[in-house]
Amino acid sequence: MSKTEKGAGPDDESWKERGIRLRVFIYVFATHIIAGFVMLLFYLGEHAEK
């Protein structure tokens, strides 16, 4: 196997791309969780007895 083949070793950047995709997924997921929590707080505040 030569160094020019995909998956040749630590210089291969496919693991970086996979890491970036995972990080983006985590950020998007966390953002949606936070947004859902804020919406829940608004909903509960709107229906609270005053």
PDB file of N, CA and C in Angstrom:
ATOM      1  N   MET A   1       0.857  -1.186   0.000  1.00  0.00           N
ATOM      2  CA  MET A   1       0.000   0.000   0.000  1.00  0.00           C
ATOM      3  C   MET A   1       0.893   1.235   0.000  1.00  0.00           C
ATOM      4  N   SER A   2       0.676   2.112  -0.928  1.00  0.00           N
ATOM      5  CA  SER A   2       1.487   3.329  -0.998  1.00  0.00           C
ATOM      6  C   SER A   2       0.840   4.431  -0.175  1.00  0.00           C
ATOM      7  N   LYS A   3       1.607   5.459   0.085  1.00  0.00           N
ATOM      8  CA  LYS A   3       1.099   6.564   0.894  1.00  0.00           C
ATOM      9  C   LYS A   3       0.040   7.390   0.179  1.00  0.00           C
ATOM     10  N   THR A   4      -0.063   7.239  -1.126  1.00  0.00           N
ATOM     11  CA  THR A   4      -1.052   8.021  -1.867  1.00  0.00           C
ATOM     12  C   THR A   4      -2.440   7.399  -1.820  1.00  0.00           C
ATOM     13  N   GLU A   5      -2.556   6.161  -1.346  1.00  0.00           N
ATOM     14  CA  GLU A   5      -3.865   5.506  -1.268  1.00  0.00           C
ATOM     15  C   GLU A   5      -4.649   6.051  -0.082  1.00  0.00           C
ATOM     16  N   LYS A   6      -5.971   6.011  -0.201  1.00  0.00           N
ATOM     17  CA  LYS A   6      -6.840   6.500   0.875  1.00  0.00           C
ATOM     18  C   LYS A   6      -6.680   5.617   2.107  1.00  0.00           C
ATOM     19  N   GLY A   7      -6.596   6.257   3.272  1.00  0.00           N
ATOM     20  CA  GLY A   7      -6.425   5.509   4.508  1.00  0.00           C
ATOM     21  C   GLY A   7      -4.994   5.067   4.719  1.00  0.00           C
ATOM     22  N   ALA A   8      -4.050   5.827   4.183  1.00  0.00           N
ATOM     23  CA  ALA A   8      -2.646   5.417   4.213  1.00  0.00           C
ATOM     24  C   ALA A   8      -1.994   5.618   5.569  1.00  0.00           C
ATOM     25  N   GLY A   9      -2.558   6.445   6.425  1.00  0.00           N
ATOM     26  CA  GLY A   9      -1.916   6.639   7.714  1.00  0.00           C
ATOM     27  C   GLY A   9      -2.348   7.919   8.406  1.00  0.00           C
ATOM     28  N   PRO A  10      -1.534   8.368   9.337  1.00  0.00           N
ATOM     29  CA  PRO A  10      -1.914   9.544  10.124  1.00  0.00           C
ATOM     30  C   PRO A  10      -1.999  10.832   9.309  1.00  0.00           C
ATOM     31  N   ASP A  11      -1.389  10.866   8.121  1.00  0.00           N
ATOM     32  CA  ASP A  11      -1.476  12.057   7.284  1.00  0.00           C
ATOM     33  C   ASP A  11      -2.800  12.122   6.520  1.00  0.00           C
ATOM     34  N   ASP A  12      -3.551  11.028   6.535  1.00  0.00           N
ATOM     35  CA  ASP A  12      -4.836  10.982   5.850  1.00  0.00           C
ATOM     36  C   ASP A  12      -5.814  11.925   6.562  1.00  0.00           C
ATOM     37  N   GLU A  13      -6.549  12.734   5.796  1.00  0.00           N
ATOM     38  CA  GLU A  13      -7.429  13.733   6.405  1.00  0.00           C
ATOM     39  C   GLU A  13      -8.879  13.292   6.525  1.00  0.00           C
ATOM     40  N   SER A  14      -9.180  12.037   6.200  1.00  0.00           N
ATOM     41  CA  SER A  14     -10.565  11.582   6.311  1.00  0.00           C
ATOM     42  C   SER A  14     -11.027  11.579   7.766  1.00  0.00           C
ATOM     43  N   TRP A  15     -10.120  11.323   8.699  1.00  0.00           N
ATOM     44  CA  TRP A  15     -10.511  11.342  10.112  1.00  0.00           C
ATOM     45  C   TRP A  15     -10.832  12.763  10.559  1.00  0.00           C
ATOM     46  N   LYS A  16     -10.183  13.771   9.971  1.00  0.00           N
ATOM     47  CA  LYS A  16     -10.493  15.162  10.306  1.00  0.00           C
ATOM     48  C   LYS A  16     -11.895  15.523   9.828  1.00  0.00           C
ATOM     49  N   GLU A  17     -12.223  15.085   8.604  1.00  0.00           N
ATOM     50  CA  GLU A  17     -13.556  15.363   8.069  1.00  0.00           C
ATOM     51  C   GLU A  17     -14.631  14.693   8.929  1.00  0.00           C
ATOM     52  N   ARG A  18     -14.370  13.474   9.342  1.00  0.00           N
ATOM     53  CA  ARG A  18     -15.323  12.758  10.187  1.00  0.00           C
ATOM     54  C   ARG A  18     -15.484  13.478  11.528  1.00  0.00           C
ATOM     55  N   GLY A  19     -14.382  13.990  12.081  1.00  0.00           N
ATOM     56  CA  GLY A  19     -14.439  14.721  13.342  1.00  0.00           C
ATOM     57  C   GLY A  19     -15.219  16.014  13.224  1.00  0.00           C
ATOM     58  N   ILE A  20     -15.046  16.700  12.102  1.00  0.00           N
ATOM     59  CA  ILE A  20     -15.775  17.948  11.885  1.00  0.00           C
ATOM     60  C   ILE A  20     -17.267  17.671  11.753  1.00  0.00           C
ATOM     61  N   ARG A  21     -17.608  16.619  11.010  1.00  0.00           N
ATOM     62  CA  ARG A  21     -19.036  16.266  10.871  1.00  0.00           C
ATOM     63  C   ARG A  21     -19.652  15.920  12.222  1.00  0.00           C
ATOM     64  N   LEU A  22     -18.930  15.188  13.047  1.00  0.00           N
ATOM     65  CA  LEU A  22     -19.432  14.839  14.376  1.00  0.00           C
ATOM     66  C   LEU A  22     -19.612  16.089  15.227  1.00  0.00           C
ATOM     67  N   ARG A  23     -18.653  16.995  15.172  1.00  0.00           N
ATOM     68  CA  ARG A  23     -18.729  18.231  15.952  1.00  0.00           C
ATOM     69  C   ARG A  23     -19.908  19.083  15.509  1.00  0.00           C
ATOM     70  N   VAL A  24     -20.131  19.198  14.206  1.00  0.00           N
ATOM     71  CA  VAL A  24     -21.269  19.975  13.695  1.00  0.00           C
ATOM     72  C   VAL A  24     -22.576  19.345  14.146  1.00  0.00           C
ATOM     73  N   PHE A  25     -22.666  18.012  14.082  1.00  0.00           N
ATOM     74  CA  PHE A  25     -23.878  17.331  14.534  1.00  0.00           C
ATOM     75  C   PHE A  25     -24.138  17.609  16.010  1.00  0.00           C
ATOM     76  N   ILE A  26     -23.105  17.542  16.830  1.00  0.00           N
ATOM     77  CA  ILE A  26     -23.262  17.797  18.269  1.00  0.00           C
ATOM     78  C   ILE A  26     -23.700  19.235  18.508  1.00  0.00           C
ATOM     79  N   TYR A  27     -23.082  20.214  17.806  1.00  0.00           N
ATOM     80  CA  TYR A  27     -23.461  21.612  17.978  1.00  0.00           C
ATOM     81  C   TYR A  27     -24.913  21.847  17.575  1.00  0.00           C
ATOM     82  N   VAL A  28     -25.330  21.280  16.444  1.00  0.00           N
ATOM     83  CA  VAL A  28     -26.712  21.463  15.984  1.00  0.00           C
ATOM     84  C   VAL A  28     -27.677  20.811  16.969  1.00  0.00           C
ATOM     85  N   PHE A  29     -27.365  19.612  17.431  1.00  0.00           N
ATOM     86  CA  PHE A  29     -28.217  18.913  18.392  1.00  0.00           C
ATOM     87  C   PHE A  29     -28.338  19.711  19.685  1.00  0.00           C
ATOM     88  N   ALA A  30     -27.215  20.194  20.204  1.00  0.00           N
ATOM     89  CA  ALA A  30     -27.228  20.960  21.453  1.00  0.00           C
ATOM     90  C   ALA A  30     -28.007  22.265  21.287  1.00  0.00           C
ATOM     91  N   THR A  31     -27.864  22.920  20.142  1.00  0.00           N
ATOM     92  CA  THR A  31     -28.596  24.155  19.885  1.00  0.00           C
ATOM     93  C   THR A  31     -30.102  23.908  19.876  1.00  0.00           C
ATOM     94  N   HIS A  32     -30.522  22.804  19.277  1.00  0.00           N
ATOM     95  CA  HIS A  32     -31.949  22.482  19.264  1.00  0.00           C
ATOM     96  C   HIS A  32     -32.464  22.151  20.661  1.00  0.00           C
ATOM     97  N   ILE A  33     -31.664  21.480  21.459  1.00  0.00           N
ATOM     98  CA  ILE A  33     -32.066  21.183  22.842  1.00  0.00           C
ATOM     99  C   ILE A  33     -32.239  22.475  23.634  1.00  0.00           C
ATOM    100  N   ILE A  34     -31.290  23.401  23.495  1.00  0.00           N
ATOM    101  CA  ILE A  34     -31.374  24.675  24.208  1.00  0.00           C
ATOM    102  C   ILE A  34     -32.584  25.470  23.729  1.00  0.00           C
ATOM    103  N   ALA A  35     -32.817  25.516  22.418  1.00  0.00           N
ATOM    104  CA  ALA A  35     -33.964  26.243  21.878  1.00  0.00           C
ATOM    105  C   ALA A  35     -35.277  25.634  22.378  1.00  0.00           C
ATOM    106  N   GLY A  36     -35.345  24.318  22.426  1.00  0.00           N
ATOM    107  CA  GLY A  36     -36.542  23.651  22.948  1.00  0.00           C
ATOM    108  C   GLY A  36     -36.777  23.974  24.409  1.00  0.00           C
ATOM    109  N   PHE A  37     -35.708  24.049  25.193  1.00  0.00           N
ATOM    110  CA  PHE A  37     -35.820  24.387  26.610  1.00  0.00           C
ATOM    111  C   PHE A  37     -36.330  25.817  26.779  1.00  0.00           C
ATOM    112  N   VAL A  38     -35.812  26.749  25.991  1.00  0.00           N
ATOM    113  CA  VAL A  38     -36.262  28.139  26.069  1.00  0.00           C
ATOM    114  C   VAL A  38     -37.731  28.239  25.670  1.00  0.00           C
ATOM    115  N   MET A  39     -38.133  27.515  24.620  1.00  0.00           N
ATOM    116  CA  MET A  39     -39.535  27.529  24.215  1.00  0.00           C
ATOM    117  C   MET A  39     -40.432  26.953  25.316  1.00  0.00           C
ATOM    118  N   LEU A  40     -39.949  25.913  25.984  1.00  0.00           N
ATOM    119  CA  LEU A  40     -40.697  25.342  27.098  1.00  0.00           C
ATOM    120  C   LEU A  40     -40.859  26.358  28.225  1.00  0.00           C
ATOM    121  N   LEU A  41     -39.806  27.100  28.522  1.00  0.00           N
ATOM    122  CA  LEU A  41     -39.907  28.131  29.563  1.00  0.00           C
ATOM    123  C   LEU A  41     -40.923  29.203  29.184  1.00  0.00           C
ATOM    124  N   PHE A  42     -40.913  29.639  27.922  1.00  0.00           N
ATOM    125  CA  PHE A  42     -41.912  30.620  27.482  1.00  0.00           C
ATOM    126  C   PHE A  42     -43.323  30.048  27.590  1.00  0.00           C
ATOM    127  N   TYR A  43     -43.504  28.799  27.205  1.00  0.00           N
ATOM    128  CA  TYR A  43     -44.817  28.169  27.282  1.00  0.00           C
ATOM    129  C   TYR A  43     -45.297  28.087  28.729  1.00  0.00           C
ATOM    130  N   LEU A  44     -44.424  27.648  29.612  1.00  0.00           N
ATOM    131  CA  LEU A  44     -44.811  27.518  31.017  1.00  0.00           C
ATOM    132  C   LEU A  44     -45.075  28.886  31.646  1.00  0.00           C
ATOM    133  N   GLY A  45     -44.278  29.901  31.264  1.00  0.00           N
ATOM    134  CA  GLY A  45     -44.497  31.246  31.798  1.00  0.00           C
ATOM    135  C   GLY A  45     -45.807  31.855  31.291  1.00  0.00           C
ATOM    136  N   GLU A  46     -46.169  31.521  30.079  1.00  0.00           N
ATOM    137  CA  GLU A  46     -47.400  32.039  29.499  1.00  0.00           C
ATOM    138  C   GLU A  46     -48.630  31.442  30.181  1.00  0.00           C
ATOM    139  N   HIS A  47     -48.531  30.209  30.639  1.00  0.00           N
ATOM    140  CA  HIS A  47     -49.665  29.527  31.238  1.00  0.00           C
ATOM    141  C   HIS A  47     -49.609  29.480  32.765  1.00  0.00           C
ATOM    142  N   ALA A  48     -48.686  30.208  33.350  1.00  0.00           N
ATOM    143  CA  ALA A  48     -48.575  30.217  34.806  1.00  0.00           C
ATOM    144  C   ALA A  48     -49.656  31.117  35.410  1.00  0.00           C
ATOM    145  N   GLU A  49     -50.076  30.757  36.625  1.00  0.00           N
ATOM    146  CA  GLU A  49     -51.048  31.608  37.329  1.00  0.00           C
ATOM    147  C   GLU A  49     -50.331  32.869  37.790  1.00  0.00           C
ATOM    148  N   LYS A  50     -50.998  33.996  37.589  1.00  0.00           N
ATOM    149  CA  LYS A  50     -50.379  35.282  37.945  1.00  0.00           C
ATOM    150  C   LYS A  50     -51.134  35.957  39.050  1.00  0.00           C
TER     151      LYS A  50
END
